[in-house]
Amino acid sequence: MLLWLAELFHYWVSGFHLFQYTTFRAVMAALTSLAFSLMLGPWTIRKLTELKVGQAVRRDGPQTHLVKTGTPTMGGTLILMAITVSTLLWANLANPYVWILLAVMLSTGALGFYDDWKKVVYKDPHGVSAKFKMVWQSAVALAAGLFLFFVAHLSNTTTFIVPFFKEIAYPLGAAGFVVLTYFVIVGTSNAVNLTDGRWVGGFAGGIGVWRVGHFCVCQRPC
């Protein structure tokens, strides 16, 4: 959104040229998310505590985790809101990849929200069934794979390049690309779920910081 506004006004204010640099917008997006989280984070935690939106702990896990019963859950909503707001403000919204990334994130986030909602409302520590999760994740992953394949502008976009060996590349074709996309999305979604939710340890937050930091440094922002 801000990139579009900057393109309208950069003829009159030279400072708006900064918005053309992806590095500038990436840094500003990160700062926007940080400010959003710092401002709304404490309020969100207090509100969730007041509403008694607490975690139901599985009885078949370590007994030391039983003390975490009632810990505020659904905090992922704040993370999704911060990412969505900063993306809509600073990303190039003419880029279709931005929208598919947001769609995948919000779709899998909605699954997590529904899972937490069942745990809170029905006091069921198991949440939604494994079959329901797989069907939801599979639908999202297959839709994303097909969309990405058909909007790819270059043949290299659907080519698998072996890391550290750029001269070794394998054209995936439609089926191979969709299958790879499926395993990446479904695998990542379940890996995060197992890391963060299986033992009610909140480990995904710390791990996520390192992974997101890696992508911020190594990947070209949109």
Foldseek 3Di string as FASTA:
>chain_A
DLLVVLVVCCVPPVVSVVLVALLSLLVVLVVQLVVLCVVCVVVVQVVQLVVLLWAQDDPVADPVCNVRTSRRDPPVVSVLVSNVVSCVNRADVVDVVSVLVNVLVVQLSVVVVQQSVCCRPVVDNVGDDPVVNLVSLQVSLLVSQQVCVVVDPDQVSQWAAPPPHRVDIHRQPSVRSSVVSSCVRSVVSVVLCCQCRVNVPNRSVVVVVVVVVVCSVPPRGD
